Amino acid sequence: MGQHILIIEDDRTTRMRLAAYLREQGYRVSEAEDAEEMERTLTEDPAELLMVDINLEGKDGLTITREQRAISRVGIILLTARDDQVDKIVGLEMGADDYITKPFDKRELSARVKNLLARIADIGQAPQGAPPVEKFGPWAFDRIRRRLVSVARTESLTKQEFDVMSALAGHPGQTLSRARLAELMGRRAMRSNDRMIDVIVGRLRKKIENDPAHPDWILTEHGKGYHFVDPTSI
C-alpha cells in the first residue's frame, strides 16, 4: 500500500478534491475535519505526512503543528491562503516542513509531497550501526539519528532543519545562496519573497549558537546567502 497521508481541512470540497488527487497519485489518504478527528485517526493508523489547514475552526493548524512536532517527526505541510504570509513563517518556525498555497497547483503539490515523503523514507531506511557524525566546536552532527549532540544537551532536528544543516555542513567555508539551499532541500523553485530558508537558519542558530544574534557557525553573507564555518580552519 502507498504511504499514508492525513488531510486535516474543514472545508469539505477542498478536502475531498485534495484527497481524490492524492489517491490518483497512489497514496493512501485519510481525511479529518478537525483536530479531534485527526487524533482519533492517528491513534488507529499513524501517518507519514499531515496536510493541515492553518485556519481550522477550534484548534488551528499552527497549534496542531506545535503539538505534533513536540511528540513526533511526522512530515507536516501547511495548507494556507495567499495572504497568510505571517502564519506561514510562524508555522515554519514551529516545525512545519513546508506549505502549499490555495488554490493548489497540482504539479507543485505533487512535487512537494513526493520530495518530502522521499526524505522521510531516506531517513527511516538509514543503515544501522555506528552513526556518521561531524564535529564542530562542542557539537556532533549525527546524520543517522538526525540530531545535534553536545555534552550539555541534544537537539533533535526537523526534516527541513536536517536538510539545511546537511547542505551547510557538506560545504564548509562555502557561501550557499538561498536558491542553492532550496535546491539541495528538494525545492526546485522558490519565490523571491520566500523567507523559508531564513526561518530555518534562524531555528538552527537558536539550537547551536551561544548567541544567535552573533553566530559563530552559520554566518550570513549579505546579498549572497549563508555559509558554515569550516571547523578545520579554526
C-alpha atoms as a PDB file:
ATOM      1  CA  MET A   1       0.000   0.000   0.000  1.00  0.00           C
ATOM      2  CA  GLY A   2       1.064   3.603  -0.579  1.00  0.00           C
ATOM      3  CA  GLN A   3       2.359   5.965   2.059  1.00  0.00           C
ATOM      4  CA  HIS A   4      -0.321   7.303   4.390  1.00  0.00           C
ATOM      5  CA  ILE A   5      -1.290  10.970   4.145  1.00  0.00           C
ATOM      6  CA  LEU A   6      -3.807  12.524   6.552  1.00  0.00           C
ATOM      7  CA  ILE A   7      -5.553  15.718   5.401  1.00  0.00           C
ATOM      8  CA  ILE A   8      -6.933  17.972   8.148  1.00  0.00           C
ATOM      9  CA  GLU A   9      -9.167  20.511   6.396  1.00  0.00           C
ATOM     10  CA  ASP A  10     -12.597  21.768   7.474  1.00  0.00           C
ATOM     11  CA  ASP A  11     -13.734  22.795   4.002  1.00  0.00           C
ATOM     12  CA  ARG A  12     -15.302  19.597   2.692  1.00  0.00           C
ATOM     13  CA  THR A  13     -14.959  20.454  -1.001  1.00  0.00           C
ATOM     14  CA  THR A  14     -11.274  21.362  -0.715  1.00  0.00           C
ATOM     15  CA  ARG A  15     -10.580  18.280   1.389  1.00  0.00           C
ATOM     16  CA  MET A  16     -12.308  15.888  -0.998  1.00  0.00           C
ATOM     17  CA  ARG A  17     -10.622  17.333  -4.091  1.00  0.00           C
ATOM     18  CA  LEU A  18      -7.207  17.187  -2.469  1.00  0.00           C
ATOM     19  CA  ALA A  19      -7.789  13.631  -1.241  1.00  0.00           C
ATOM     20  CA  ALA A  20      -9.001  12.495  -4.672  1.00  0.00           C
ATOM     21  CA  TYR A  21      -5.929  13.910  -6.397  1.00  0.00           C
ATOM     22  CA  LEU A  22      -3.506  12.331  -3.920  1.00  0.00           C
ATOM     23  CA  ARG A  23      -5.237   8.964  -4.248  1.00  0.00           C
ATOM     24  CA  GLU A  24      -4.780   9.228  -8.017  1.00  0.00           C
ATOM     25  CA  GLN A  25      -1.049   9.583  -7.313  1.00  0.00           C
ATOM     26  CA  GLY A  26      -1.061   6.257  -5.462  1.00  0.00           C
ATOM     27  CA  TYR A  27      -1.088   7.479  -1.861  1.00  0.00           C
ATOM     28  CA  ARG A  28      -3.281   6.087   0.903  1.00  0.00           C
ATOM     29  CA  VAL A  29      -5.295   9.075   2.118  1.00  0.00           C
ATOM     30  CA  SER A  30      -7.387   9.696   5.237  1.00  0.00           C
ATOM     31  CA  GLU A  31      -9.472  12.790   5.926  1.00  0.00           C
ATOM     32  CA  ALA A  32     -10.296  14.744   9.089  1.00  0.00           C
ATOM     33  CA  GLU A  33     -12.218  17.967   9.505  1.00  0.00           C
ATOM     34  CA  ASP A  34     -10.719  18.981  12.847  1.00  0.00           C
ATOM     35  CA  ALA A  35      -8.026  18.190  15.408  1.00  0.00           C
ATOM     36  CA  GLU A  36     -10.211  15.795  17.370  1.00  0.00           C
ATOM     37  CA  GLU A  37     -10.879  13.625  14.317  1.00  0.00           C
ATOM     38  CA  MET A  38      -7.192  13.838  13.379  1.00  0.00           C
ATOM     39  CA  GLU A  39      -6.141  12.492  16.783  1.00  0.00           C
ATOM     40  CA  ARG A  40      -8.565   9.560  16.548  1.00  0.00           C
ATOM     41  CA  THR A  41      -7.249   8.676  13.102  1.00  0.00           C
ATOM     42  CA  LEU A  42      -3.594   8.885  14.129  1.00  0.00           C
ATOM     43  CA  THR A  43      -4.226   6.662  17.139  1.00  0.00           C
ATOM     44  CA  GLU A  44      -5.601   3.937  14.890  1.00  0.00           C
ATOM     45  CA  ASP A  45      -3.431   4.496  11.808  1.00  0.00           C
ATOM     46  CA  PRO A  46      -0.239   6.628  12.058  1.00  0.00           C
ATOM     47  CA  ALA A  47       0.579   8.733   9.008  1.00  0.00           C
ATOM     48  CA  GLU A  48       3.842   9.618   7.287  1.00  0.00           C
ATOM     49  CA  LEU A  49       2.536  13.057   6.327  1.00  0.00           C
ATOM     50  CA  LEU A  50      -0.022  15.521   7.699  1.00  0.00           C
ATOM     51  CA  MET A  51      -1.510  18.209   5.460  1.00  0.00           C
ATOM     52  CA  VAL A  52      -3.021  20.761   7.835  1.00  0.00           C
ATOM     53  CA  ASP A  53      -5.148  23.804   7.054  1.00  0.00           C
ATOM     54  CA  ILE A  54      -3.846  26.766   9.045  1.00  0.00           C
ATOM     55  CA  ASN A  55      -7.296  28.296   9.590  1.00  0.00           C
ATOM     56  CA  LEU A  56      -9.162  25.374  11.122  1.00  0.00           C
ATOM     57  CA  GLU A  57     -12.100  26.011  13.422  1.00  0.00           C
ATOM     58  CA  GLY A  58     -11.263  25.202  17.045  1.00  0.00           C
ATOM     59  CA  LYS A  59      -7.660  24.070  17.351  1.00  0.00           C
ATOM     60  CA  ASP A  60      -5.956  25.729  14.380  1.00  0.00           C
ATOM     61  CA  GLY A  61      -3.199  24.403  12.159  1.00  0.00           C
ATOM     62  CA  LEU A  62      -0.404  26.268  13.938  1.00  0.00           C
ATOM     63  CA  THR A  63      -1.382  24.731  17.282  1.00  0.00           C
ATOM     64  CA  ILE A  64      -1.572  21.273  15.701  1.00  0.00           C
ATOM     65  CA  THR A  65       1.891  21.799  14.183  1.00  0.00           C
ATOM     66  CA  ARG A  66       3.404  22.813  17.515  1.00  0.00           C
ATOM     67  CA  GLU A  67       1.831  19.897  19.368  1.00  0.00           C
ATOM     68  CA  GLN A  68       2.748  17.281  16.759  1.00  0.00           C
ATOM     69  CA  ARG A  69       6.317  18.494  16.442  1.00  0.00           C
ATOM     70  CA  ALA A  70       6.753  18.161  20.208  1.00  0.00           C
ATOM     71  CA  ILE A  71       5.908  14.446  20.090  1.00  0.00           C
ATOM     72  CA  SER A  72       6.615  13.315  16.535  1.00  0.00           C
ATOM     73  CA  ARG A  73       8.779  13.722  13.443  1.00  0.00           C
ATOM     74  CA  VAL A  74       5.828  13.194  11.110  1.00  0.00           C
ATOM     75  CA  GLY A  75       6.003  15.284   7.940  1.00  0.00           C
ATOM     76  CA  ILE A  76       3.832  18.417   8.106  1.00  0.00           C
ATOM     77  CA  ILE A  77       2.675  20.536   5.165  1.00  0.00           C
ATOM     78  CA  LEU A  78       0.508  23.547   5.967  1.00  0.00           C
ATOM     79  CA  LEU A  79      -2.405  24.489   3.705  1.00  0.00           C
ATOM     80  CA  THR A  80      -2.595  28.273   3.503  1.00  0.00           C
ATOM     81  CA  ALA A  81      -4.365  31.130   1.762  1.00  0.00           C
ATOM     82  CA  ARG A  82      -2.330  33.534  -0.334  1.00  0.00           C
ATOM     83  CA  ASP A  83      -2.465  36.281   2.319  1.00  0.00           C
ATOM     84  CA  ASP A  84      -1.265  34.066   5.190  1.00  0.00           C
ATOM     85  CA  GLN A  85       2.424  35.093   4.873  1.00  0.00           C
ATOM     86  CA  VAL A  86       2.906  35.728   8.599  1.00  0.00           C
ATOM     87  CA  ASP A  87       1.218  32.464   9.547  1.00  0.00           C
ATOM     88  CA  LYS A  88       3.376  30.587   7.024  1.00  0.00           C
ATOM     89  CA  ILE A  89       6.530  31.883   8.689  1.00  0.00           C
ATOM     90  CA  VAL A  90       5.210  31.148  12.182  1.00  0.00           C
ATOM     91  CA  GLY A  91       4.294  27.638  11.038  1.00  0.00           C
ATOM     92  CA  LEU A  92       7.803  27.005   9.742  1.00  0.00           C
ATOM     93  CA  GLU A  93       9.251  28.322  12.993  1.00  0.00           C
ATOM     94  CA  MET A  94       7.058  25.842  14.865  1.00  0.00           C
ATOM     95  CA  GLY A  95       8.488  22.976  12.844  1.00  0.00           C
ATOM     96  CA  ALA A  96       6.299  22.576   9.748  1.00  0.00           C
ATOM     97  CA  ASP A  97       8.256  21.151   6.819  1.00  0.00           C
ATOM     98  CA  ASP A  98       6.575  23.072   4.016  1.00  0.00           C
ATOM     99  CA  TYR A  99       3.411  24.841   2.944  1.00  0.00           C
ATOM    100  CA  ILE A 100       1.088  24.801  -0.059  1.00  0.00           C
ATOM    101  CA  THR A 101      -0.891  27.876  -1.074  1.00  0.00           C
ATOM    102  CA  LYS A 102      -4.549  27.557  -2.031  1.00  0.00           C
ATOM    103  CA  PRO A 103      -5.780  27.233  -4.735  1.00  0.00           C
ATOM    104  CA  PHE A 104      -3.345  24.379  -5.396  1.00  0.00           C
ATOM    105  CA  ASP A 105      -1.185  23.921  -8.442  1.00  0.00           C
ATOM    106  CA  LYS A 106      -1.344  20.151  -8.907  1.00  0.00           C
ATOM    107  CA  ARG A 107       2.208  19.764 -10.224  1.00  0.00           C
ATOM    108  CA  GLU A 108       3.665  21.806  -7.371  1.00  0.00           C
ATOM    109  CA  LEU A 109       1.595  19.874  -4.832  1.00  0.00           C
ATOM    110  CA  SER A 110       2.710  16.547  -6.261  1.00  0.00           C
ATOM    111  CA  ALA A 111       6.387  17.563  -6.290  1.00  0.00           C
ATOM    112  CA  ARG A 112       6.401  18.830  -2.709  1.00  0.00           C
ATOM    113  CA  VAL A 113       4.588  15.800  -1.326  1.00  0.00           C
ATOM    114  CA  LYS A 114       6.834  13.412  -3.254  1.00  0.00           C
ATOM    115  CA  ASN A 115      10.057  15.150  -2.170  1.00  0.00           C
ATOM    116  CA  LEU A 116       9.083  15.335   1.500  1.00  0.00           C
ATOM    117  CA  LEU A 117       7.985  11.697   1.655  1.00  0.00           C
ATOM    118  CA  ALA A 118      11.208  10.644  -0.089  1.00  0.00           C
ATOM    119  CA  ARG A 119      13.295  12.437   2.537  1.00  0.00           C
ATOM    120  CA  ILE A 120      11.255  10.823   5.320  1.00  0.00           C
ATOM    121  CA  ALA A 121      11.811   7.391   3.755  1.00  0.00           C
ATOM    122  CA  ASP A 122      15.554   8.007   3.310  1.00  0.00           C
ATOM    123  CA  ILE A 123      15.939   8.860   6.986  1.00  0.00           C
ATOM    124  CA  GLY A 124      13.874   5.857   8.064  1.00  0.00           C
ATOM    125  CA  GLN A 125      15.927   3.470   5.925  1.00  0.00           C
ATOM    126  CA  ALA A 126      19.344   4.681   7.060  1.00  0.00           C
ATOM    127  CA  PRO A 127      21.788   1.833   7.727  1.00  0.00           C
ATOM    128  CA  GLN A 128      22.220   0.550  11.245  1.00  0.00           C
ATOM    129  CA  GLY A 129      25.495   0.677  13.128  1.00  0.00           C
ATOM    130  CA  ALA A 130      27.731   3.476  14.330  1.00  0.00           C
ATOM    131  CA  PRO A 131      26.172   6.730  13.074  1.00  0.00           C
ATOM    132  CA  PRO A 132      28.311   9.015  10.907  1.00  0.00           C
ATOM    133  CA  VAL A 133      28.834  12.262  12.776  1.00  0.00           C
ATOM    134  CA  GLU A 134      30.562  15.532  12.022  1.00  0.00           C
ATOM    135  CA  LYS A 135      32.106  17.502  14.853  1.00  0.00           C
ATOM    136  CA  PHE A 136      32.312  21.268  15.162  1.00  0.00           C
ATOM    137  CA  GLY A 137      33.082  23.084  18.386  1.00  0.00           C
ATOM    138  CA  PRO A 138      31.110  21.430  21.201  1.00  0.00           C
ATOM    139  CA  TRP A 139      28.693  19.803  18.743  1.00  0.00           C
ATOM    140  CA  ALA A 140      28.467  16.500  16.889  1.00  0.00           C
ATOM    141  CA  PHE A 141      26.081  16.323  13.919  1.00  0.00           C
ATOM    142  CA  ASP A 142      24.512  12.855  13.931  1.00  0.00           C
ATOM    143  CA  ARG A 143      23.125  12.356  10.427  1.00  0.00           C
ATOM    144  CA  ILE A 144      21.512   8.986  11.068  1.00  0.00           C
ATOM    145  CA  ARG A 145      19.581   9.997  14.169  1.00  0.00           C
ATOM    146  CA  ARG A 146      19.016  13.490  12.728  1.00  0.00           C
ATOM    147  CA  ARG A 147      20.170  15.399  15.750  1.00  0.00           C
ATOM    148  CA  LEU A 148      22.876  17.666  17.156  1.00  0.00           C
ATOM    149  CA  VAL A 149      24.600  16.446  20.303  1.00  0.00           C
ATOM    150  CA  SER A 150      26.800  18.229  22.840  1.00  0.00           C
ATOM    151  CA  VAL A 151      27.878  17.400  26.366  1.00  0.00           C
ATOM    152  CA  ALA A 152      25.218  19.764  27.693  1.00  0.00           C
ATOM    153  CA  ARG A 153      22.219  18.769  25.574  1.00  0.00           C
ATOM    154  CA  THR A 154      20.787  17.074  22.495  1.00  0.00           C
ATOM    155  CA  GLU A 155      18.816  18.954  19.854  1.00  0.00           C
ATOM    156  CA  SER A 156      16.533  16.974  17.536  1.00  0.00           C
ATOM    157  CA  LEU A 157      16.115  18.358  14.019  1.00  0.00           C
ATOM    158  CA  THR A 158      13.020  18.626  11.874  1.00  0.00           C
ATOM    159  CA  LYS A 159      13.363  17.386   8.307  1.00  0.00           C
ATOM    160  CA  GLN A 160      13.881  20.924   6.999  1.00  0.00           C
ATOM    161  CA  GLU A 161      16.468  21.722   9.668  1.00  0.00           C
ATOM    162  CA  PHE A 162      18.258  18.475   8.882  1.00  0.00           C
ATOM    163  CA  ASP A 163      18.297  19.246   5.153  1.00  0.00           C
ATOM    164  CA  VAL A 164      19.719  22.745   5.633  1.00  0.00           C
ATOM    165  CA  MET A 165      22.245  21.576   8.221  1.00  0.00           C
ATOM    166  CA  SER A 166      23.363  18.774   5.894  1.00  0.00           C
ATOM    167  CA  ALA A 167      23.782  21.199   2.998  1.00  0.00           C
ATOM    168  CA  LEU A 168      25.753  23.724   5.028  1.00  0.00           C
ATOM    169  CA  ALA A 169      27.922  21.136   6.810  1.00  0.00           C
ATOM    170  CA  GLY A 170      28.572  19.462   3.474  1.00  0.00           C
ATOM    171  CA  HIS A 171      30.036  22.680   2.058  1.00  0.00           C
ATOM    172  CA  PRO A 172      32.132  24.136   4.936  1.00  0.00           C
ATOM    173  CA  GLY A 173      33.542  27.564   4.220  1.00  0.00           C
ATOM    174  CA  GLN A 174      31.447  27.968   1.058  1.00  0.00           C
ATOM    175  CA  THR A 175      28.676  30.516   0.668  1.00  0.00           C
ATOM    176  CA  LEU A 176      25.421  28.924  -0.445  1.00  0.00           C
ATOM    177  CA  SER A 177      22.677  31.154  -1.810  1.00  0.00           C
ATOM    178  CA  ARG A 178      19.117  30.736  -0.614  1.00  0.00           C
ATOM    179  CA  ALA A 179      18.190  29.360  -4.032  1.00  0.00           C
ATOM    180  CA  ARG A 180      21.005  26.790  -3.835  1.00  0.00           C
ATOM    181  CA  LEU A 181      19.976  25.736  -0.334  1.00  0.00           C
ATOM    182  CA  ALA A 182      16.379  25.389  -1.506  1.00  0.00           C
ATOM    183  CA  GLU A 183      17.578  23.248  -4.418  1.00  0.00           C
ATOM    184  CA  LEU A 184      19.573  20.995  -2.076  1.00  0.00           C
ATOM    185  CA  MET A 185      16.419  20.632   0.050  1.00  0.00           C
ATOM    186  CA  GLY A 186      14.477  19.364  -2.951  1.00  0.00           C
ATOM    187  CA  ARG A 187      12.592  22.582  -3.662  1.00  0.00           C
ATOM    188  CA  ARG A 188      13.071  23.250  -7.354  1.00  0.00           C
ATOM    189  CA  ALA A 189      11.649  26.745  -7.223  1.00  0.00           C
ATOM    190  CA  MET A 190      11.458  29.372  -4.520  1.00  0.00           C
ATOM    191  CA  ARG A 191       9.669  32.696  -4.766  1.00  0.00           C
ATOM    192  CA  SER A 192      11.825  35.766  -4.341  1.00  0.00           C
ATOM    193  CA  ASN A 193       9.945  36.755  -1.166  1.00  0.00           C
ATOM    194  CA  ASP A 194      10.001  33.256   0.323  1.00  0.00           C
ATOM    195  CA  ARG A 195      11.634  33.511   3.764  1.00  0.00           C
ATOM    196  CA  MET A 196      11.667  29.762   4.368  1.00  0.00           C
ATOM    197  CA  ILE A 197      15.477  29.457   4.314  1.00  0.00           C
ATOM    198  CA  ASP A 198      15.916  32.410   6.688  1.00  0.00           C
ATOM    199  CA  VAL A 199      13.406  30.911   9.126  1.00  0.00           C
ATOM    200  CA  ILE A 200      15.132  27.521   9.122  1.00  0.00           C
ATOM    201  CA  VAL A 201      18.584  29.058   9.579  1.00  0.00           C
ATOM    202  CA  GLY A 202      17.169  31.059  12.480  1.00  0.00           C
ATOM    203  CA  ARG A 203      15.869  27.867  14.094  1.00  0.00           C
ATOM    204  CA  LEU A 204      19.259  26.182  13.691  1.00  0.00           C
ATOM    205  CA  ARG A 205      21.064  29.163  15.198  1.00  0.00           C
ATOM    206  CA  LYS A 206      18.826  29.033  18.260  1.00  0.00           C
ATOM    207  CA  LYS A 207      19.869  25.414  18.727  1.00  0.00           C
ATOM    208  CA  ILE A 208      23.637  25.624  18.213  1.00  0.00           C
ATOM    209  CA  GLU A 209      24.807  29.206  18.747  1.00  0.00           C
ATOM    210  CA  ASN A 210      25.725  30.711  22.107  1.00  0.00           C
ATOM    211  CA  ASP A 211      24.316  33.996  20.818  1.00  0.00           C
ATOM    212  CA  PRO A 212      22.053  33.531  17.770  1.00  0.00           C
ATOM    213  CA  ALA A 213      22.259  37.270  17.015  1.00  0.00           C
ATOM    214  CA  HIS A 214      26.044  36.979  16.711  1.00  0.00           C
ATOM    215  CA  PRO A 215      26.595  33.468  15.338  1.00  0.00           C
ATOM    216  CA  ASP A 216      29.907  31.624  15.342  1.00  0.00           C
ATOM    217  CA  TRP A 217      28.999  28.791  12.981  1.00  0.00           C
ATOM    218  CA  ILE A 218      26.283  29.710  10.487  1.00  0.00           C
ATOM    219  CA  LEU A 219      27.260  33.103   9.087  1.00  0.00           C
ATOM    220  CA  THR A 220      25.319  35.446   6.816  1.00  0.00           C
ATOM    221  CA  GLU A 221      26.971  36.798   3.685  1.00  0.00           C
ATOM    222  CA  HIS A 222      24.752  39.784   2.954  1.00  0.00           C
ATOM    223  CA  GLY A 223      23.322  39.675  -0.531  1.00  0.00           C
ATOM    224  CA  LYS A 224      24.823  36.237  -1.130  1.00  0.00           C
ATOM    225  CA  GLY A 225      23.499  33.669   1.328  1.00  0.00           C
ATOM    226  CA  TYR A 226      24.858  31.625   4.224  1.00  0.00           C
ATOM    227  CA  HIS A 227      27.982  29.671   4.942  1.00  0.00           C
ATOM    228  CA  PHE A 228      29.034  27.222   7.600  1.00  0.00           C
ATOM    229  CA  VAL A 229      32.406  27.906   9.186  1.00  0.00           C
ATOM    230  CA  ASP A 230      34.974  25.204   8.350  1.00  0.00           C
ATOM    231  CA  PRO A 231      35.857  23.592  11.725  1.00  0.00           C
ATOM    232  CA  THR A 232      39.347  22.722  10.448  1.00  0.00           C
ATOM    233  CA  SER A 233      40.143  26.384   9.874  1.00  0.00           C
ATOM    234  CA  ILE A 234      39.612  27.391  13.499  1.00  0.00           C
END
